[in-house]
PDB file of N, CA and C in Angstrom:
ATOM      1  N   MET A   1     149.931 232.459 185.509  1.00  0.00           N
ATOM      2  CA  MET A   1     149.811 232.470 184.182  1.00  0.00           C
ATOM      3  C   MET A   1     150.894 233.399 183.714  1.00  0.00           C
ATOM      4  N   PRO A   2     151.684 232.902 182.675  1.00  0.00           N
ATOM      5  CA  PRO A   2     152.703 233.640 182.014  1.00  0.00           C
ATOM      6  C   PRO A   2     151.928 234.991 181.416  1.00  0.00           C
ATOM      7  N   SER A   3     152.580 236.107 181.302  1.00  0.00           N
ATOM      8  CA  SER A   3     152.223 237.109 180.697  1.00  0.00           C
ATOM      9  C   SER A   3     153.186 237.411 179.274  1.00  0.00           C
ATOM     10  N   ILE A   4     152.842 238.358 178.487  1.00  0.00           N
ATOM     11  CA  ILE A   4     153.479 238.613 177.504  1.00  0.00           C
ATOM     12  C   ILE A   4     154.906 239.128 177.892  1.00  0.00           C
ATOM     13  N   LEU A   5     155.160 239.858 178.835  1.00  0.00           N
ATOM     14  CA  LEU A   5     156.463 240.282 179.498  1.00  0.00           C
ATOM     15  C   LEU A   5     157.270 239.139 179.946  1.00  0.00           C
ATOM     16  N   LYS A   6     156.602 238.211 180.404  1.00  0.00           N
ATOM     17  CA  LYS A   6     157.341 236.906 180.923  1.00  0.00           C
ATOM     18  C   LYS A   6     157.919 236.290 179.684  1.00  0.00           C
ATOM     19  N   PHE A   7     157.170 236.048 178.605  1.00  0.00           N
ATOM     20  CA  PHE A   7     157.484 235.425 177.415  1.00  0.00           C
ATOM     21  C   PHE A   7     158.520 235.975 176.843  1.00  0.00           C
ATOM     22  N   ASN A   8     158.430 237.504 176.631  1.00  0.00           N
ATOM     23  CA  ASN A   8     159.480 238.281 176.052  1.00  0.00           C
ATOM     24  C   ASN A   8     160.784 238.052 176.796  1.00  0.00           C
ATOM     25  N   THR A   9     160.801 238.116 178.330  1.00  0.00           N
ATOM     26  CA  THR A   9     161.859 238.096 179.110  1.00  0.00           C
ATOM     27  C   THR A   9     162.644 236.737 178.954  1.00  0.00           C
ATOM     28  N   LEU A  10     161.744 235.500 178.785  1.00  0.00           N
ATOM     29  CA  LEU A  10     162.474 234.242 178.514  1.00  0.00           C
ATOM     30  C   LEU A  10     163.201 234.123 177.064  1.00  0.00           C
ATOM     31  N   ALA A  11     162.395 234.689 176.120  1.00  0.00           N
ATOM     32  CA  ALA A  11     162.824 234.545 174.725  1.00  0.00           C
ATOM     33  C   ALA A  11     164.069 235.323 174.550  1.00  0.00           C
ATOM     34  N   ILE A  12     164.192 236.601 174.986  1.00  0.00           N
ATOM     35  CA  ILE A  12     165.477 237.259 175.070  1.00  0.00           C
ATOM     36  C   ILE A  12     166.529 236.998 175.896  1.00  0.00           C
ATOM     37  N   SER A  13     166.216 235.880 176.736  1.00  0.00           N
ATOM     38  CA  SER A  13     167.309 235.628 177.709  1.00  0.00           C
ATOM     39  C   SER A  13     168.251 234.496 177.069  1.00  0.00           C
ATOM     40  N   LEU A  14     167.885 234.071 175.909  1.00  0.00           N
ATOM     41  CA  LEU A  14     168.506 233.187 174.964  1.00  0.00           C
ATOM     42  C   LEU A  14     169.824 233.908 174.369  1.00  0.00           C
ATOM     43  N   PRO A  15     170.893 233.311 174.095  1.00  0.00           N
ATOM     44  CA  PRO A  15     172.117 233.908 173.303  1.00  0.00           C
ATOM     45  C   PRO A  15     171.959 234.596 172.013  1.00  0.00           C
ATOM     46  N   GLU A  16     172.300 235.942 171.984  1.00  0.00           N
ATOM     47  CA  GLU A  16     172.265 236.531 170.743  1.00  0.00           C
ATOM     48  C   GLU A  16     170.793 236.709 170.063  1.00  0.00           C
ATOM     49  N   VAL A  17     169.827 236.832 170.984  1.00  0.00           N
ATOM     50  CA  VAL A  17     168.351 236.839 170.083  1.00  0.00           C
ATOM     51  C   VAL A  17     168.082 238.520 170.026  1.00  0.00           C
ATOM     52  N   SER A  18     167.601 238.489 168.708  1.00  0.00           N
ATOM     53  CA  SER A  18     167.170 240.142 168.435  1.00  0.00           C
ATOM     54  C   SER A  18     165.597 240.063 168.489  1.00  0.00           C
ATOM     55  N   ILE A  19     165.082 241.217 168.587  1.00  0.00           N
ATOM     56  CA  ILE A  19     163.749 241.380 168.414  1.00  0.00           C
ATOM     57  C   ILE A  19     163.315 242.244 167.187  1.00  0.00           C
ATOM     58  N   GLU A  20     162.410 241.823 166.242  1.00  0.00           N
ATOM     59  CA  GLU A  20     162.087 242.570 165.121  1.00  0.00           C
ATOM     60  C   GLU A  20     160.672 242.403 164.744  1.00  0.00           C
ATOM     61  N   PRO A  21     160.144 243.404 164.017  1.00  0.00           N
ATOM     62  CA  PRO A  21     158.759 243.469 163.678  1.00  0.00           C
ATOM     63  C   PRO A  21     158.652 242.146 162.721  1.00  0.00           C
ATOM     64  N   HIS A  22     157.419 241.610 162.591  1.00  0.00           N
ATOM     65  CA  HIS A  22     156.891 240.540 161.531  1.00  0.00           C
ATOM     66  C   HIS A  22     155.701 240.760 161.296  1.00  0.00           C
ATOM     67  N   PHE A  23     155.170 241.408 160.129  1.00  0.00           N
ATOM     68  CA  PHE A  23     153.863 241.679 159.964  1.00  0.00           C
ATOM     69  C   PHE A  23     153.255 242.526 161.160  1.00  0.00           C
ATOM     70  N   GLU A  24     152.194 241.950 161.646  1.00  0.00           N
ATOM     71  CA  GLU A  24     151.641 242.556 162.800  1.00  0.00           C
ATOM     72  C   GLU A  24     151.954 241.841 164.101  1.00  0.00           C
ATOM     73  N   LYS A  25     153.267 241.169 164.070  1.00  0.00           N
ATOM     74  CA  LYS A  25     153.655 240.426 165.334  1.00  0.00           C
ATOM     75  C   LYS A  25     155.062 240.984 165.638  1.00  0.00           C
ATOM     76  N   VAL A  26     155.646 240.337 166.885  1.00  0.00           N
ATOM     77  CA  VAL A  26     156.902 240.534 167.186  1.00  0.00           C
ATOM     78  C   VAL A  26     157.629 239.285 166.730  1.00  0.00           C
ATOM     79  N   SER A  27     158.866 239.238 166.294  1.00  0.00           N
ATOM     80  CA  SER A  27     159.567 237.850 166.132  1.00  0.00           C
ATOM     81  C   SER A  27     160.862 238.097 166.802  1.00  0.00           C
ATOM     82  N   PHE A  28     161.272 236.850 167.237  1.00  0.00           N
ATOM     83  CA  PHE A  28     162.428 236.652 167.942  1.00  0.00           C
ATOM     84  C   PHE A  28     163.281 235.743 167.049  1.00  0.00           C
ATOM     85  N   ARG A  29     164.627 236.338 166.875  1.00  0.00           N
ATOM     86  CA  ARG A  29     165.390 235.726 165.750  1.00  0.00           C
ATOM     87  C   ARG A  29     166.854 235.453 166.492  1.00  0.00           C
ATOM     88  N   VAL A  30     167.544 234.714 165.825  1.00  0.00           N
ATOM     89  CA  VAL A  30     168.898 234.432 165.937  1.00  0.00           C
ATOM     90  C   VAL A  30     169.514 234.404 164.656  1.00  0.00           C
ATOM     91  N   LYS A  31     170.681 235.085 164.504  1.00  0.00           N
ATOM     92  CA  LYS A  31     171.289 235.227 163.270  1.00  0.00           C
ATOM     93  C   LYS A  31     170.220 235.598 162.017  1.00  0.00           C
ATOM     94  N   LYS A  32     169.293 236.323 162.439  1.00  0.00           N
ATOM     95  CA  LYS A  32     168.328 236.645 161.232  1.00  0.00           C
ATOM     96  C   LYS A  32     167.259 235.623 160.988  1.00  0.00           C
ATOM     97  N   LYS A  33     167.360 234.585 161.461  1.00  0.00           N
ATOM     98  CA  LYS A  33     166.328 233.508 161.404  1.00  0.00           C
ATOM     99  C   LYS A  33     165.374 233.450 162.560  1.00  0.00           C
ATOM    100  N   ILE A  34     164.071 233.370 162.283  1.00  0.00           N
ATOM    101  CA  ILE A  34     162.909 233.405 163.205  1.00  0.00           C
ATOM    102  C   ILE A  34     162.791 232.073 163.871  1.00  0.00           C
ATOM    103  N   PHE A  35     162.680 232.122 165.193  1.00  0.00           N
ATOM    104  CA  PHE A  35     162.396 230.889 166.015  1.00  0.00           C
ATOM    105  C   PHE A  35     161.106 230.913 166.742  1.00  0.00           C
ATOM    106  N   ALA A  36     160.513 232.156 166.835  1.00  0.00           N
ATOM    107  CA  ALA A  36     159.306 232.485 167.579  1.00  0.00           C
ATOM    108  C   ALA A  36     158.751 233.823 167.241  1.00  0.00           C
ATOM    109  N   THR A  37     157.494 233.951 167.393  1.00  0.00           N
ATOM    110  CA  THR A  37     156.799 235.093 167.012  1.00  0.00           C
ATOM    111  C   THR A  37     155.707 235.208 168.335  1.00  0.00           C
ATOM    112  N   LEU A  38     155.190 236.292 168.451  1.00  0.00           N
ATOM    113  CA  LEU A  38     154.551 236.706 169.448  1.00  0.00           C
ATOM    114  C   LEU A  38     153.197 237.618 168.867  1.00  0.00           C
ATOM    115  N   ASN A  39     152.175 237.199 169.044  1.00  0.00           N
ATOM    116  CA  ASN A  39     150.810 237.853 168.624  1.00  0.00           C
ATOM    117  C   ASN A  39     150.084 238.216 169.929  1.00  0.00           C
ATOM    118  N   GLU A  40     150.440 239.382 170.204  1.00  0.00           N
ATOM    119  CA  GLU A  40     149.773 239.964 171.583  1.00  0.00           C
ATOM    120  C   GLU A  40     148.326 240.046 171.599  1.00  0.00           C
ATOM    121  N   LYS A  41     148.066 240.445 170.271  1.00  0.00           N
ATOM    122  CA  LYS A  41     146.251 240.587 170.130  1.00  0.00           C
ATOM    123  C   LYS A  41     145.543 239.170 170.453  1.00  0.00           C
ATOM    124  N   GLU A  42     146.156 238.009 170.078  1.00  0.00           N
ATOM    125  CA  GLU A  42     145.476 236.943 170.274  1.00  0.00           C
ATOM    126  C   GLU A  42     146.168 236.050 171.620  1.00  0.00           C
ATOM    127  N   SER A  43     147.076 236.692 172.204  1.00  0.00           N
ATOM    128  CA  SER A  43     147.619 236.099 173.472  1.00  0.00           C
ATOM    129  C   SER A  43     148.220 234.743 173.118  1.00  0.00           C
ATOM    130  N   ARG A  44     148.914 234.710 172.026  1.00  0.00           N
ATOM    131  CA  ARG A  44     149.560 233.527 171.509  1.00  0.00           C
ATOM    132  C   ARG A  44     150.862 233.740 170.840  1.00  0.00           C
ATOM    133  N   ALA A  45     151.715 232.712 171.102  1.00  0.00           N
ATOM    134  CA  ALA A  45     153.181 232.749 170.352  1.00  0.00           C
ATOM    135  C   ALA A  45     153.103 231.523 169.228  1.00  0.00           C
ATOM    136  N   THR A  46     153.977 231.719 168.400  1.00  0.00           N
ATOM    137  CA  THR A  46     154.430 230.522 167.454  1.00  0.00           C
ATOM    138  C   THR A  46     155.550 230.190 167.635  1.00  0.00           C
ATOM    139  N   LEU A  47     156.012 228.995 167.813  1.00  0.00           N
ATOM    140  CA  LEU A  47     157.362 228.550 167.768  1.00  0.00           C
ATOM    141  C   LEU A  47     157.560 227.518 166.591  1.00  0.00           C
ATOM    142  N   LYS A  48     158.959 227.393 166.360  1.00  0.00           N
ATOM    143  CA  LYS A  48     159.525 226.643 165.267  1.00  0.00           C
ATOM    144  C   LYS A  48     159.918 225.375 165.666  1.00  0.00           C
ATOM    145  N   PHE A  49     159.177 224.262 165.337  1.00  0.00           N
ATOM    146  CA  PHE A  49     159.704 222.920 165.878  1.00  0.00           C
ATOM    147  C   PHE A  49     159.801 222.078 164.720  1.00  0.00           C
ATOM    148  N   THR A  50     160.356 220.986 164.785  1.00  0.00           N
ATOM    149  CA  THR A  50     160.450 219.617 163.889  1.00  0.00           C
ATOM    150  C   THR A  50     158.870 219.354 163.978  1.00  0.00           C
ATOM    151  N   PRO A  51     158.649 218.627 162.877  1.00  0.00           N
ATOM    152  CA  PRO A  51     157.367 218.001 162.689  1.00  0.00           C
ATOM    153  C   PRO A  51     157.199 216.926 164.133  1.00  0.00           C
ATOM    154  N   ASP A  52     158.122 216.180 164.165  1.00  0.00           N
ATOM    155  CA  ASP A  52     158.358 215.046 165.384  1.00  0.00           C
ATOM    156  C   ASP A  52     158.158 215.926 166.589  1.00  0.00           C
ATOM    157  N   GLU A  53     158.891 216.938 166.861  1.00  0.00           N
ATOM    158  CA  GLU A  53     158.808 217.729 168.162  1.00  0.00           C
ATOM    159  C   GLU A  53     157.382 218.279 168.281  1.00  0.00           C
ATOM    160  N   GLN A  54     156.856 218.733 167.370  1.00  0.00           N
ATOM    161  CA  GLN A  54     155.529 219.541 167.371  1.00  0.00           C
ATOM    162  C   GLN A  54     154.508 218.026 167.840  1.00  0.00           C
ATOM    163  N   GLU A  55     154.552 217.199 167.196  1.00  0.00           N
ATOM    164  CA  GLU A  55     153.511 216.077 167.615  1.00  0.00           C
ATOM    165  C   GLU A  55     153.831 215.704 169.187  1.00  0.00           C
ATOM    166  N   MET A  56     155.032 215.597 169.487  1.00  0.00           N
ATOM    167  CA  MET A  56     155.185 215.251 170.971  1.00  0.00           C
ATOM    168  C   MET A  56     154.663 216.501 171.919  1.00  0.00           C
ATOM    169  N   PHE A  57     155.113 217.706 171.645  1.00  0.00           N
ATOM    170  CA  PHE A  57     154.737 218.728 172.310  1.00  0.00           C
ATOM    171  C   PHE A  57     153.227 218.981 172.531  1.00  0.00           C
ATOM    172  N   CYS A  58     152.485 218.788 171.484  1.00  0.00           N
ATOM    173  CA  CYS A  58     151.060 218.939 171.263  1.00  0.00           C
ATOM    174  C   CYS A  58     150.303 218.066 172.344  1.00  0.00           C
ATOM    175  N   LYS A  59     151.061 216.985 172.958  1.00  0.00           N
ATOM    176  CA  LYS A  59     150.463 216.191 173.641  1.00  0.00           C
ATOM    177  C   LYS A  59     150.438 216.560 175.310  1.00  0.00           C
ATOM    178  N   ILE A  60     151.197 217.576 175.380  1.00  0.00           N
ATOM    179  CA  ILE A  60     151.333 218.169 176.764  1.00  0.00           C
ATOM    180  C   ILE A  60     150.061 218.846 177.137  1.00  0.00           C
ATOM    181  N   ASN A  61     149.430 219.554 176.316  1.00  0.00           N
ATOM    182  CA  ASN A  61     148.259 220.324 176.438  1.00  0.00           C
ATOM    183  C   ASN A  61     147.537 220.868 174.987  1.00  0.00           C
ATOM    184  N   GLN A  62     146.618 220.100 174.535  1.00  0.00           N
ATOM    185  CA  GLN A  62     146.164 220.341 173.141  1.00  0.00           C
ATOM    186  C   GLN A  62     145.341 221.539 173.065  1.00  0.00           C
ATOM    187  N   GLU A  63     145.003 222.063 174.119  1.00  0.00           N
ATOM    188  CA  GLU A  63     144.245 223.460 174.206  1.00  0.00           C
ATOM    189  C   GLU A  63     145.295 224.388 174.154  1.00  0.00           C
ATOM    190  N   ALA A  64     146.624 224.350 174.483  1.00  0.00           N
ATOM    191  CA  ALA A  64     147.490 225.425 174.846  1.00  0.00           C
ATOM    192  C   ALA A  64     148.552 225.215 173.795  1.00  0.00           C
ATOM    193  N   ILE A  65     148.830 224.012 173.073  1.00  0.00           N
ATOM    194  CA  ILE A  65     149.806 223.897 172.229  1.00  0.00           C
ATOM    195  C   ILE A  65     149.287 222.894 170.961  1.00  0.00           C
ATOM    196  N   PHE A  66     149.296 223.670 169.652  1.00  0.00           N
ATOM    197  CA  PHE A  66     148.627 222.966 168.600  1.00  0.00           C
ATOM    198  C   PHE A  66     149.326 223.638 167.344  1.00  0.00           C
ATOM    199  N   PRO A  67     149.354 222.788 166.141  1.00  0.00           N
ATOM    200  CA  PRO A  67     150.107 223.277 164.861  1.00  0.00           C
ATOM    201  C   PRO A  67     149.405 224.331 164.318  1.00  0.00           C
ATOM    202  N   VAL A  68     149.945 225.164 163.888  1.00  0.00           N
ATOM    203  CA  VAL A  68     149.434 226.349 162.797  1.00  0.00           C
ATOM    204  C   VAL A  68     148.612 225.665 161.864  1.00  0.00           C
ATOM    205  N   PRO A  69     147.501 226.030 161.556  1.00  0.00           N
ATOM    206  CA  PRO A  69     146.555 225.149 160.655  1.00  0.00           C
ATOM    207  C   PRO A  69     146.704 225.442 159.149  1.00  0.00           C
ATOM    208  N   ASN A  70     147.801 225.288 158.614  1.00  0.00           N
ATOM    209  CA  ASN A  70     147.993 225.460 157.234  1.00  0.00           C
ATOM    210  C   ASN A  70     149.460 224.789 156.932  1.00  0.00           C
ATOM    211  N   LYS A  71     150.100 225.035 155.811  1.00  0.00           N
ATOM    212  CA  LYS A  71     151.186 224.349 155.338  1.00  0.00           C
ATOM    213  C   LYS A  71     152.485 224.723 156.300  1.00  0.00           C
ATOM    214  N   TRP A  72     152.163 225.925 157.028  1.00  0.00           N
ATOM    215  CA  TRP A  72     153.401 226.154 157.982  1.00  0.00           C
ATOM    216  C   TRP A  72     153.288 225.298 159.038  1.00  0.00           C
ATOM    217  N   GLY A  73     152.185 224.841 159.538  1.00  0.00           N
ATOM    218  CA  GLY A  73     151.783 223.855 160.453  1.00  0.00           C
ATOM    219  C   GLY A  73     152.488 222.395 160.213  1.00  0.00           C
ATOM    220  N   LYS A  74     152.431 222.209 159.036  1.00  0.00           N
ATOM    221  CA  LYS A  74     152.954 220.811 158.600  1.00  0.00           C
ATOM    222  C   LYS A  74     154.586 220.863 158.545  1.00  0.00           C
ATOM    223  N   MET A  75     155.140 222.140 158.678  1.00  0.00           N
ATOM    224  CA  MET A  75     156.764 222.286 158.733  1.00  0.00           C
ATOM    225  C   MET A  75     157.013 222.385 160.134  1.00  0.00           C
ATOM    226  N   GLY A  76     156.146 222.216 161.016  1.00  0.00           N
ATOM    227  CA  GLY A  76     156.575 222.295 162.515  1.00  0.00           C
ATOM    228  C   GLY A  76     156.222 223.636 163.273  1.00  0.00           C
ATOM    229  N   TRP A  77     155.661 224.514 162.422  1.00  0.00           N
ATOM    230  CA  TRP A  77     155.230 225.737 163.208  1.00  0.00           C
ATOM    231  C   TRP A  77     154.155 225.539 164.063  1.00  0.00           C
ATOM    232  N   THR A  78     154.129 225.873 165.540  1.00  0.00           N
ATOM    233  CA  THR A  78     153.160 225.632 166.372  1.00  0.00           C
ATOM    234  C   THR A  78     152.847 226.806 167.121  1.00  0.00           C
ATOM    235  N   HIS A  79     151.494 226.760 167.448  1.00  0.00           N
ATOM    236  CA  HIS A  79     150.893 227.989 168.201  1.00  0.00           C
ATOM    237  C   HIS A  79     151.078 227.600 169.838  1.00  0.00           C
ATOM    238  N   LEU A  80     151.354 228.437 170.556  1.00  0.00           N
ATOM    239  CA  LEU A  80     151.163 228.295 172.154  1.00  0.00           C
ATOM    240  C   LEU A  80     150.457 229.374 172.582  1.00  0.00           C
ATOM    241  N   LYS A  81     149.419 229.006 173.390  1.00  0.00           N
ATOM    242  CA  LYS A  81     148.426 229.848 174.172  1.00  0.00           C
ATOM    243  C   LYS A  81     149.394 229.978 175.540  1.00  0.00           C
ATOM    244  N   TYR A  82     150.263 230.989 175.701  1.00  0.00           N
ATOM    245  CA  TYR A  82     151.244 230.804 176.716  1.00  0.00           C
ATOM    246  C   TYR A  82     150.610 231.227 178.102  1.00  0.00           C
ATOM    247  N   GLU A  83     149.545 231.840 177.978  1.00  0.00           N
ATOM    248  CA  GLU A  83     148.682 231.998 179.340  1.00  0.00           C
ATOM    249  C   GLU A  83     148.250 230.640 179.962  1.00  0.00           C
ATOM    250  N   LEU A  84     148.367 229.670 179.209  1.00  0.00           N
ATOM    251  CA  LEU A  84     147.694 228.381 179.726  1.00  0.00           C
ATOM    252  C   LEU A  84     148.983 227.433 180.078  1.00  0.00           C
ATOM    253  N   LEU A  85     150.169 227.885 179.912  1.00  0.00           N
ATOM    254  CA  LEU A  85     151.234 226.931 180.390  1.00  0.00           C
ATOM    255  C   LEU A  85     152.193 227.813 181.353  1.00  0.00           C
ATOM    256  N   SER A  86     152.819 226.804 181.974  1.00  0.00           N
ATOM    257  CA  SER A  86     153.794 227.288 183.189  1.00  0.00           C
ATOM    258  C   SER A  86     154.976 227.982 182.440  1.00  0.00           C
ATOM    259  N   PRO A  87     155.682 228.900 183.237  1.00  0.00           N
ATOM    260  CA  PRO A  87     156.960 229.399 182.641  1.00  0.00           C
ATOM    261  C   PRO A  87     158.013 228.411 182.530  1.00  0.00           C
ATOM    262  N   GLU A  88     158.144 227.440 183.327  1.00  0.00           N
ATOM    263  CA  GLU A  88     158.979 226.305 183.033  1.00  0.00           C
ATOM    264  C   GLU A  88     158.758 225.581 181.733  1.00  0.00           C
ATOM    265  N   ILE A  89     157.631 225.229 181.314  1.00  0.00           N
ATOM    266  CA  ILE A  89     157.385 224.705 179.938  1.00  0.00           C
ATOM    267  C   ILE A  89     157.582 225.532 178.882  1.00  0.00           C
ATOM    268  N   ILE A  90     157.209 226.798 179.039  1.00  0.00           N
ATOM    269  CA  ILE A  90     157.534 227.800 177.869  1.00  0.00           C
ATOM    270  C   ILE A  90     159.005 228.128 177.693  1.00  0.00           C
ATOM    271  N   GLU A  91     159.858 228.159 178.855  1.00  0.00           N
ATOM    272  CA  GLU A  91     161.140 228.219 178.582  1.00  0.00           C
ATOM    273  C   GLU A  91     161.761 227.211 177.974  1.00  0.00           C
ATOM    274  N   GLU A  92     161.457 225.904 178.245  1.00  0.00           N
ATOM    275  CA  GLU A  92     161.896 224.794 177.623  1.00  0.00           C
ATOM    276  C   GLU A  92     161.583 224.689 176.191  1.00  0.00           C
ATOM    277  N   LEU A  93     160.327 225.101 175.723  1.00  0.00           N
ATOM    278  CA  LEU A  93     159.897 224.863 174.532  1.00  0.00           C
ATOM    279  C   LEU A  93     160.542 226.131 173.686  1.00  0.00           C
ATOM    280  N   LEU A  94     160.816 227.332 174.319  1.00  0.00           N
ATOM    281  CA  LEU A  94     161.730 228.371 173.544  1.00  0.00           C
ATOM    282  C   LEU A  94     163.225 227.876 173.300  1.00  0.00           C
ATOM    283  N   LYS A  95     163.550 227.168 174.178  1.00  0.00           N
ATOM    284  CA  LYS A  95     164.968 226.536 173.975  1.00  0.00           C
ATOM    285  C   LYS A  95     165.081 225.609 172.790  1.00  0.00           C
ATOM    286  N   VAL A  96     163.989 224.746 172.735  1.00  0.00           N
ATOM    287  CA  VAL A  96     163.918 223.729 171.610  1.00  0.00           C
ATOM    288  C   VAL A  96     163.690 224.563 170.353  1.00  0.00           C
ATOM    289  N   ALA A  97     162.880 225.596 170.163  1.00  0.00           N
ATOM    290  CA  ALA A  97     162.706 226.145 169.092  1.00  0.00           C
ATOM    291  C   ALA A  97     164.091 226.956 168.510  1.00  0.00           C
ATOM    292  N   TYR A  98     164.560 227.755 169.396  1.00  0.00           N
ATOM    293  CA  TYR A  98     165.802 228.293 169.344  1.00  0.00           C
ATOM    294  C   TYR A  98     166.914 227.374 168.864  1.00  0.00           C
ATOM    295  N   SER A  99     167.125 226.169 169.350  1.00  0.00           N
ATOM    296  CA  SER A  99     168.116 225.166 169.088  1.00  0.00           C
ATOM    297  C   SER A  99     167.885 224.671 167.723  1.00  0.00           C
ATOM    298  N   ASN A 100     166.803 224.733 167.313  1.00  0.00           N
ATOM    299  CA  ASN A 100     166.395 224.220 165.812  1.00  0.00           C
ATOM    300  C   ASN A 100     167.049 225.070 164.774  1.00  0.00           C
ATOM    301  N   ILE A 101     167.160 226.449 165.164  1.00  0.00           N
ATOM    302  CA  ILE A 101     167.905 227.288 164.087  1.00  0.00           C
ATOM    303  C   ILE A 101     169.190 228.003 164.479  1.00  0.00           C
ATOM    304  N   ALA A 102     169.600 227.904 165.463  1.00  0.00           N
ATOM    305  CA  ALA A 102     170.675 228.535 166.098  1.00  0.00           C
ATOM    306  C   ALA A 102     171.998 227.829 165.758  1.00  0.00           C
ATOM    307  N   PRO A 103     173.175 228.330 165.280  1.00  0.00           N
ATOM    308  CA  PRO A 103     174.414 227.915 165.052  1.00  0.00           C
ATOM    309  C   PRO A 103     174.918 227.020 166.272  1.00  0.00           C
ATOM    310  N   GLN A 104     175.703 226.006 165.993  1.00  0.00           N
ATOM    311  CA  GLN A 104     176.062 225.051 167.006  1.00  0.00           C
ATOM    312  C   GLN A 104     176.799 225.850 168.056  1.00  0.00           C
ATOM    313  N   ASN A 105     177.558 226.928 167.991  1.00  0.00           N
ATOM    314  CA  ASN A 105     178.288 227.447 169.152  1.00  0.00           C
ATOM    315  C   ASN A 105     177.113 228.280 170.025  1.00  0.00           C
ATOM    316  N   LEU A 106     176.245 228.510 169.586  1.00  0.00           N
ATOM    317  CA  LEU A 106     175.073 229.242 170.406  1.00  0.00           C
ATOM    318  C   LEU A 106     174.230 228.140 171.121  1.00  0.00           C
ATOM    319  N   LYS A 107     173.949 226.924 170.376  1.00  0.00           N
ATOM    320  CA  LYS A 107     173.320 225.838 170.829  1.00  0.00           C
ATOM    321  C   LYS A 107     174.049 225.279 172.138  1.00  0.00           C
ATOM    322  N   ASP A 108     175.298 225.330 172.012  1.00  0.00           N
ATOM    323  CA  ASP A 108     176.092 224.624 173.060  1.00  0.00           C
ATOM    324  C   ASP A 108     175.797 225.644 174.409  1.00  0.00           C
ATOM    325  N   LYS A 109     175.606 226.704 174.322  1.00  0.00           N
ATOM    326  CA  LYS A 109     175.323 227.702 175.624  1.00  0.00           C
ATOM    327  C   LYS A 109     173.897 227.354 176.178  1.00  0.00           C
ATOM    328  N   ILE A 110     173.116 226.642 175.520  1.00  0.00           N
ATOM    329  CA  ILE A 110     171.798 226.457 176.102  1.00  0.00           C
ATOM    330  C   ILE A 110     171.631 225.000 177.013  1.00  0.00           C
ATOM    331  N   GLN A 111     171.190 225.150 178.235  1.00  0.00           N
ATOM    332  CA  GLN A 111     171.080 224.032 179.102  1.00  0.00           C
ATOM    333  C   GLN A 111     169.622 223.878 179.380  1.00  0.00           C
ATOM    334  N   PHE A 112     169.306 222.652 179.177  1.00  0.00           N
ATOM    335  CA  PHE A 112     168.005 222.092 179.269  1.00  0.00           C
ATOM    336  C   PHE A 112     167.684 221.509 180.628  1.00  0.00           C
ATOM    337  N   LYS A 113     166.506 221.666 181.108  1.00  0.00           N
ATOM    338  CA  LYS A 113     166.307 221.116 182.453  1.00  0.00           C
ATOM    339  C   LYS A 113     165.895 219.625 182.289  1.00  0.00           C
ATOM    340  N   GLU A 114     166.043 218.887 183.132  1.00  0.00           N
ATOM    341  CA  GLU A 114     165.483 217.516 183.308  1.00  0.00           C
ATOM    342  C   GLU A 114     164.301 217.328 183.954  1.00  0.00           C
ATOM    343  N   PHE A 115     163.450 216.489 183.257  1.00  0.00           N
ATOM    344  CA  PHE A 115     162.135 216.388 183.875  1.00  0.00           C
ATOM    345  C   PHE A 115     161.768 215.001 184.239  1.00  0.00           C
TER     346      PHE A 115
END
């Protein structure tokens, strides 16, 4: 099971990611835009997807991947219980969230795995 440290390592491995506080959470940003947050207290991360991506990813494991239960969820923000997911899935989900907000020159540096 992936730990907080593993999640952090995967998130900061993406190009030009910064870590900053975001309320009681840690946020992962590229060019000052948040693509993921980490809530250590609840062993949960939140990632920015499009609504279509969110719908697709929630089918992987509905106990581990589910929409934020409010207007943020309708915009694609999605909770992950990272301890229930493999590092490979987490890494690919982080890449998608990152790609949704990163400028094109940084997106071009991301390599997705073939499943």
